[in-house]
Amino acid sequence: MLSEAMKAEGWIEHDGGECPIDGKIRVTMLFRNGTEITRQAKCEEWPWEENDPLLDIIAYKPEGTP
């Protein structure tokens, strides 16, 4: 669950399933293990439906959000 501060920073929760936005949009990812990938890759480049603790995406922040 994201904190209110994270939501205010533009983070959006992801609870599993396929990519929730246009695959061409660049995003910063947050994985269940706490790793944050800040290189802003395109959505389609990530394993959205992965169910592995190391690769499970729990939140993302689209490019251009503060």
PDB file of N, CA and C in Angstrom:
ATOM      1  N   MET A   1       0.844  -1.183   0.000  1.00  0.00           N
ATOM      2  CA  MET A   1       0.000   0.000   0.000  1.00  0.00           C
ATOM      3  C   MET A   1       0.887   1.242   0.000  1.00  0.00           C
ATOM      4  N   LEU A   2       0.549   2.174  -0.845  1.00  0.00           N
ATOM      5  CA  LEU A   2       1.342   3.399  -0.945  1.00  0.00           C
ATOM      6  C   LEU A   2       0.946   4.405   0.133  1.00  0.00           C
ATOM      7  N   SER A   3       1.931   5.125   0.605  1.00  0.00           N
ATOM      8  CA  SER A   3       1.652   6.184   1.573  1.00  0.00           C
ATOM      9  C   SER A   3       1.038   7.376   0.849  1.00  0.00           C
ATOM     10  N   GLU A   4       0.420   8.245   1.599  1.00  0.00           N
ATOM     11  CA  GLU A   4      -0.161   9.455   1.009  1.00  0.00           C
ATOM     12  C   GLU A   4       0.926  10.316   0.364  1.00  0.00           C
ATOM     13  N   ALA A   5       2.107  10.334   0.970  1.00  0.00           N
ATOM     14  CA  ALA A   5       3.225  11.106   0.413  1.00  0.00           C
ATOM     15  C   ALA A   5       3.625  10.563  -0.959  1.00  0.00           C
ATOM     16  N   MET A   6       3.663   9.236  -1.094  1.00  0.00           N
ATOM     17  CA  MET A   6       4.015   8.634  -2.386  1.00  0.00           C
ATOM     18  C   MET A   6       2.951   8.954  -3.434  1.00  0.00           C
ATOM     19  N   LYS A   7       1.692   8.872  -3.042  1.00  0.00           N
ATOM     20  CA  LYS A   7       0.606   9.213  -3.970  1.00  0.00           C
ATOM     21  C   LYS A   7       0.724  10.666  -4.405  1.00  0.00           C
ATOM     22  N   ALA A   8       1.074  11.548  -3.473  1.00  0.00           N
ATOM     23  CA  ALA A   8       1.236  12.965  -3.796  1.00  0.00           C
ATOM     24  C   ALA A   8       2.400  13.191  -4.758  1.00  0.00           C
ATOM     25  N   GLU A   9       3.394  12.289  -4.728  1.00  0.00           N
ATOM     26  CA  GLU A   9       4.543  12.381  -5.631  1.00  0.00           C
ATOM     27  C   GLU A   9       4.233  11.819  -7.016  1.00  0.00           C
ATOM     28  N   GLY A  10       3.029  11.270  -7.195  1.00  0.00           N
ATOM     29  CA  GLY A  10       2.637  10.759  -8.505  1.00  0.00           C
ATOM     30  C   GLY A  10       2.671   9.259  -8.658  1.00  0.00           C
ATOM     31  N   TRP A  11       2.987   8.516  -7.578  1.00  0.00           N
ATOM     32  CA  TRP A  11       3.004   7.061  -7.655  1.00  0.00           C
ATOM     33  C   TRP A  11       1.586   6.530  -7.768  1.00  0.00           C
ATOM     34  N   ILE A  12       1.417   5.475  -8.570  1.00  0.00           N
ATOM     35  CA  ILE A  12       0.122   4.830  -8.768  1.00  0.00           C
ATOM     36  C   ILE A  12       0.286   3.358  -8.397  1.00  0.00           C
ATOM     37  N   GLU A  13      -0.601   2.850  -7.543  1.00  0.00           N
ATOM     38  CA  GLU A  13      -0.530   1.445  -7.137  1.00  0.00           C
ATOM     39  C   GLU A  13      -0.855   0.522  -8.294  1.00  0.00           C
ATOM     40  N   HIS A  14      -0.191  -0.623  -8.300  1.00  0.00           N
ATOM     41  CA  HIS A  14      -0.469  -1.669  -9.289  1.00  0.00           C
ATOM     42  C   HIS A  14      -0.643  -2.969  -8.521  1.00  0.00           C
ATOM     43  N   ASP A  15      -1.789  -3.627  -8.714  1.00  0.00           N
ATOM     44  CA  ASP A  15      -2.084  -4.833  -7.940  1.00  0.00           C
ATOM     45  C   ASP A  15      -2.018  -6.110  -8.773  1.00  0.00           C
ATOM     46  N   GLY A  16      -1.225  -6.091  -9.819  1.00  0.00           N
ATOM     47  CA  GLY A  16      -1.059  -7.267 -10.656  1.00  0.00           C
ATOM     48  C   GLY A  16      -1.785  -7.110 -11.984  1.00  0.00           C
ATOM     49  N   GLY A  17      -1.570  -8.057 -12.858  1.00  0.00           N
ATOM     50  CA  GLY A  17      -2.218  -8.005 -14.156  1.00  0.00           C
ATOM     51  C   GLY A  17      -1.367  -7.293 -15.183  1.00  0.00           C
ATOM     52  N   GLU A  18      -1.958  -7.103 -16.342  1.00  0.00           N
ATOM     53  CA  GLU A  18      -1.214  -6.523 -17.457  1.00  0.00           C
ATOM     54  C   GLU A  18      -0.937  -5.037 -17.269  1.00  0.00           C
ATOM     55  N   CYS A  19      -0.127  -4.496 -18.146  1.00  0.00           N
ATOM     56  CA  CYS A  19       0.251  -3.081 -18.113  1.00  0.00           C
ATOM     57  C   CYS A  19      -1.011  -2.214 -18.095  1.00  0.00           C
ATOM     58  N   PRO A  20      -1.156  -1.349 -17.102  1.00  0.00           N
ATOM     59  CA  PRO A  20      -2.389  -0.578 -16.943  1.00  0.00           C
ATOM     60  C   PRO A  20      -2.487   0.685 -17.798  1.00  0.00           C
ATOM     61  N   ILE A  21      -1.402   1.082 -18.466  1.00  0.00           N
ATOM     62  CA  ILE A  21      -1.427   2.289 -19.286  1.00  0.00           C
ATOM     63  C   ILE A  21      -0.755   2.008 -20.628  1.00  0.00           C
ATOM     64  N   ASP A  22      -0.773   2.970 -21.526  1.00  0.00           N
ATOM     65  CA  ASP A  22      -0.161   2.825 -22.844  1.00  0.00           C
ATOM     66  C   ASP A  22       1.276   2.331 -22.707  1.00  0.00           C
ATOM     67  N   GLY A  23       1.609   1.272 -23.419  1.00  0.00           N
ATOM     68  CA  GLY A  23       2.921   0.651 -23.329  1.00  0.00           C
ATOM     69  C   GLY A  23       4.074   1.525 -23.759  1.00  0.00           C
ATOM     70  N   LYS A  24       3.797   2.616 -24.462  1.00  0.00           N
ATOM     71  CA  LYS A  24       4.854   3.512 -24.933  1.00  0.00           C
ATOM     72  C   LYS A  24       5.222   4.581 -23.908  1.00  0.00           C
ATOM     73  N   ILE A  25       4.399   4.736 -22.876  1.00  0.00           N
ATOM     74  CA  ILE A  25       4.662   5.736 -21.837  1.00  0.00           C
ATOM     75  C   ILE A  25       5.829   5.272 -20.974  1.00  0.00           C
ATOM     76  N   ARG A  26       6.743   6.172 -20.688  1.00  0.00           N
ATOM     77  CA  ARG A  26       7.890   5.856 -19.838  1.00  0.00           C
ATOM     78  C   ARG A  26       7.482   5.996 -18.371  1.00  0.00           C
ATOM     79  N   VAL A  27       7.975   5.058 -17.557  1.00  0.00           N
ATOM     80  CA  VAL A  27       7.613   5.032 -16.139  1.00  0.00           C
ATOM     81  C   VAL A  27       8.814   4.724 -15.258  1.00  0.00           C
ATOM     82  N   THR A  28       8.715   5.113 -14.000  1.00  0.00           N
ATOM     83  CA  THR A  28       9.617   4.673 -12.950  1.00  0.00           C
ATOM     84  C   THR A  28       8.860   3.584 -12.208  1.00  0.00           C
ATOM     85  N   MET A  29       9.543   2.479 -11.887  1.00  0.00           N
ATOM     86  CA  MET A  29       8.886   1.322 -11.293  1.00  0.00           C
ATOM     87  C   MET A  29       9.287   1.133  -9.823  1.00  0.00           C
ATOM     88  N   LEU A  30       8.370   0.594  -9.045  1.00  0.00           N
ATOM     89  CA  LEU A  30       8.653   0.199  -7.669  1.00  0.00           C
ATOM     90  C   LEU A  30       8.256  -1.266  -7.539  1.00  0.00           C
ATOM     91  N   PHE A  31       9.222  -2.091  -7.114  1.00  0.00           N
ATOM     92  CA  PHE A  31       8.987  -3.520  -6.972  1.00  0.00           C
ATOM     93  C   PHE A  31       8.691  -3.888  -5.529  1.00  0.00           C
ATOM     94  N   ARG A  32       8.033  -5.028  -5.323  1.00  0.00           N
ATOM     95  CA  ARG A  32       7.635  -5.470  -3.991  1.00  0.00           C
ATOM     96  C   ARG A  32       8.815  -5.548  -3.017  1.00  0.00           C
ATOM     97  N   ASN A  33       9.995  -5.879  -3.515  1.00  0.00           N
ATOM     98  CA  ASN A  33      11.159  -6.000  -2.633  1.00  0.00           C
ATOM     99  C   ASN A  33      11.749  -4.641  -2.251  1.00  0.00           C
ATOM    100  N   GLY A  34      11.117  -3.536  -2.695  1.00  0.00           N
ATOM    101  CA  GLY A  34      11.563  -2.195  -2.332  1.00  0.00           C
ATOM    102  C   GLY A  34      12.474  -1.537  -3.346  1.00  0.00           C
ATOM    103  N   THR A  35      12.882  -2.274  -4.371  1.00  0.00           N
ATOM    104  CA  THR A  35      13.748  -1.713  -5.404  1.00  0.00           C
ATOM    105  C   THR A  35      12.962  -0.732  -6.259  1.00  0.00           C
ATOM    106  N   GLU A  36      13.560   0.425  -6.498  1.00  0.00           N
ATOM    107  CA  GLU A  36      12.967   1.436  -7.369  1.00  0.00           C
ATOM    108  C   GLU A  36      13.870   1.595  -8.585  1.00  0.00           C
ATOM    109  N   ILE A  37      13.301   1.449  -9.749  1.00  0.00           N
ATOM    110  CA  ILE A  37      14.040   1.617 -10.997  1.00  0.00           C
ATOM    111  C   ILE A  37      13.681   2.994 -11.541  1.00  0.00           C
ATOM    112  N   THR A  38      14.655   3.866 -11.584  1.00  0.00           N
ATOM    113  CA  THR A  38      14.384   5.259 -11.935  1.00  0.00           C
ATOM    114  C   THR A  38      14.813   5.631 -13.351  1.00  0.00           C
ATOM    115  N   ARG A  39      15.199   4.655 -14.167  1.00  0.00           N
ATOM    116  CA  ARG A  39      15.667   5.011 -15.498  1.00  0.00           C
ATOM    117  C   ARG A  39      14.542   5.261 -16.491  1.00  0.00           C
ATOM    118  N   GLN A  40      13.343   5.182 -16.037  1.00  0.00           N
ATOM    119  CA  GLN A  40      12.153   5.464 -16.820  1.00  0.00           C
ATOM    120  C   GLN A  40      12.125   4.741 -18.162  1.00  0.00           C
ATOM    121  N   ALA A  41      11.899   3.453 -18.098  1.00  0.00           N
ATOM    122  CA  ALA A  41      11.741   2.631 -19.292  1.00  0.00           C
ATOM    123  C   ALA A  41      10.279   2.659 -19.734  1.00  0.00           C
ATOM    124  N   LYS A  42      10.032   2.261 -20.969  1.00  0.00           N
ATOM    125  CA  LYS A  42       8.662   2.183 -21.472  1.00  0.00           C
ATOM    126  C   LYS A  42       7.922   1.072 -20.737  1.00  0.00           C
ATOM    127  N   CYS A  43       6.643   1.281 -20.516  1.00  0.00           N
ATOM    128  CA  CYS A  43       5.811   0.297 -19.812  1.00  0.00           C
ATOM    129  C   CYS A  43       5.915  -1.088 -20.427  1.00  0.00           C
ATOM    130  N   GLU A  44       5.938  -1.141 -21.745  1.00  0.00           N
ATOM    131  CA  GLU A  44       5.941  -2.439 -22.418  1.00  0.00           C
ATOM    132  C   GLU A  44       7.231  -3.224 -22.184  1.00  0.00           C
ATOM    133  N   GLU A  45       8.243  -2.607 -21.614  1.00  0.00           N
ATOM    134  CA  GLU A  45       9.518  -3.269 -21.358  1.00  0.00           C
ATOM    135  C   GLU A  45       9.564  -3.996 -20.015  1.00  0.00           C
ATOM    136  N   TRP A  46       8.487  -3.939 -19.244  1.00  0.00           N
ATOM    137  CA  TRP A  46       8.478  -4.523 -17.904  1.00  0.00           C
ATOM    138  C   TRP A  46       7.557  -5.725 -17.815  1.00  0.00           C
ATOM    139  N   PRO A  47       7.867  -6.673 -16.914  1.00  0.00           N
ATOM    140  CA  PRO A  47       7.046  -7.875 -16.729  1.00  0.00           C
ATOM    141  C   PRO A  47       5.864  -7.612 -15.789  1.00  0.00           C
ATOM    142  N   TRP A  48       4.842  -6.947 -16.255  1.00  0.00           N
ATOM    143  CA  TRP A  48       3.723  -6.526 -15.413  1.00  0.00           C
ATOM    144  C   TRP A  48       3.002  -7.672 -14.724  1.00  0.00           C
ATOM    145  N   GLU A  49       2.919  -8.821 -15.355  1.00  0.00           N
ATOM    146  CA  GLU A  49       2.155  -9.916 -14.789  1.00  0.00           C
ATOM    147  C   GLU A  49       3.021 -10.911 -14.011  1.00  0.00           C
ATOM    148  N   GLU A  50       4.267 -10.564 -13.796  1.00  0.00           N
ATOM    149  CA  GLU A  50       5.187 -11.426 -13.050  1.00  0.00           C
ATOM    150  C   GLU A  50       4.679 -11.581 -11.616  1.00  0.00           C
ATOM    151  N   ASN A  51       4.853 -12.757 -11.063  1.00  0.00           N
ATOM    152  CA  ASN A  51       4.422 -13.000  -9.689  1.00  0.00           C
ATOM    153  C   ASN A  51       5.605 -13.475  -8.853  1.00  0.00           C
ATOM    154  N   ASP A  52       6.708 -12.784  -8.979  1.00  0.00           N
ATOM    155  CA  ASP A  52       7.952 -13.121  -8.298  1.00  0.00           C
ATOM    156  C   ASP A  52       8.276 -11.969  -7.349  1.00  0.00           C
ATOM    157  N   PRO A  53       8.639 -12.232  -6.102  1.00  0.00           N
ATOM    158  CA  PRO A  53       8.922 -11.152  -5.151  1.00  0.00           C
ATOM    159  C   PRO A  53       9.971 -10.152  -5.637  1.00  0.00           C
ATOM    160  N   LEU A  54      10.883 -10.597  -6.483  1.00  0.00           N
ATOM    161  CA  LEU A  54      11.907  -9.684  -6.977  1.00  0.00           C
ATOM    162  C   LEU A  54      11.418  -8.848  -8.151  1.00  0.00           C
ATOM    163  N   LEU A  55      10.459  -9.355  -8.912  1.00  0.00           N
ATOM    164  CA  LEU A  55      10.015  -8.654 -10.118  1.00  0.00           C
ATOM    165  C   LEU A  55       8.583  -8.145 -10.045  1.00  0.00           C
ATOM    166  N   ASP A  56       7.899  -8.382  -8.959  1.00  0.00           N
ATOM    167  CA  ASP A  56       6.494  -8.000  -8.833  1.00  0.00           C
ATOM    168  C   ASP A  56       6.371  -6.480  -8.714  1.00  0.00           C
ATOM    169  N   ILE A  57       5.772  -5.862  -9.705  1.00  0.00           N
ATOM    170  CA  ILE A  57       5.602  -4.399  -9.721  1.00  0.00           C
ATOM    171  C   ILE A  57       4.416  -4.036  -8.818  1.00  0.00           C
ATOM    172  N   ILE A  58       4.664  -3.176  -7.832  1.00  0.00           N
ATOM    173  CA  ILE A  58       3.577  -2.764  -6.936  1.00  0.00           C
ATOM    174  C   ILE A  58       3.140  -1.330  -7.178  1.00  0.00           C
ATOM    175  N   ALA A  59       3.981  -0.545  -7.876  1.00  0.00           N
ATOM    176  CA  ALA A  59       3.604   0.849  -8.158  1.00  0.00           C
ATOM    177  C   ALA A  59       4.464   1.366  -9.321  1.00  0.00           C
ATOM    178  N   TYR A  60       3.953   2.404  -9.951  1.00  0.00           N
ATOM    179  CA  TYR A  60       4.677   3.038 -11.057  1.00  0.00           C
ATOM    180  C   TYR A  60       4.367   4.529 -11.046  1.00  0.00           C
ATOM    181  N   LYS A  61       5.266   5.289 -11.677  1.00  0.00           N
ATOM    182  CA  LYS A  61       5.080   6.734 -11.772  1.00  0.00           C
ATOM    183  C   LYS A  61       5.348   7.115 -13.228  1.00  0.00           C
ATOM    184  N   PRO A  62       4.325   7.575 -13.953  1.00  0.00           N
ATOM    185  CA  PRO A  62       4.495   7.960 -15.347  1.00  0.00           C
ATOM    186  C   PRO A  62       5.457   9.131 -15.505  1.00  0.00           C
ATOM    187  N   GLU A  63       6.159   9.151 -16.635  1.00  0.00           N
ATOM    188  CA  GLU A  63       7.080  10.240 -16.956  1.00  0.00           C
ATOM    189  C   GLU A  63       6.337  11.573 -16.887  1.00  0.00           C
ATOM    190  N   GLY A  64       7.025  12.548 -16.365  1.00  0.00           N
ATOM    191  CA  GLY A  64       6.445  13.878 -16.296  1.00  0.00           C
ATOM    192  C   GLY A  64       5.719  14.188 -15.000  1.00  0.00           C
ATOM    193  N   THR A  65       5.581  13.190 -14.094  1.00  0.00           N
ATOM    194  CA  THR A  65       4.981  13.494 -12.805  1.00  0.00           C
ATOM    195  C   THR A  65       6.083  13.953 -11.865  1.00  0.00           C
ATOM    196  N   PRO A  66       5.757  14.829 -10.949  1.00  0.00           N
ATOM    197  CA  PRO A  66       6.801  15.398 -10.065  1.00  0.00           C
ATOM    198  C   PRO A  66       7.569  14.375  -9.270  1.00  0.00           C
TER     199      PRO A  66
END
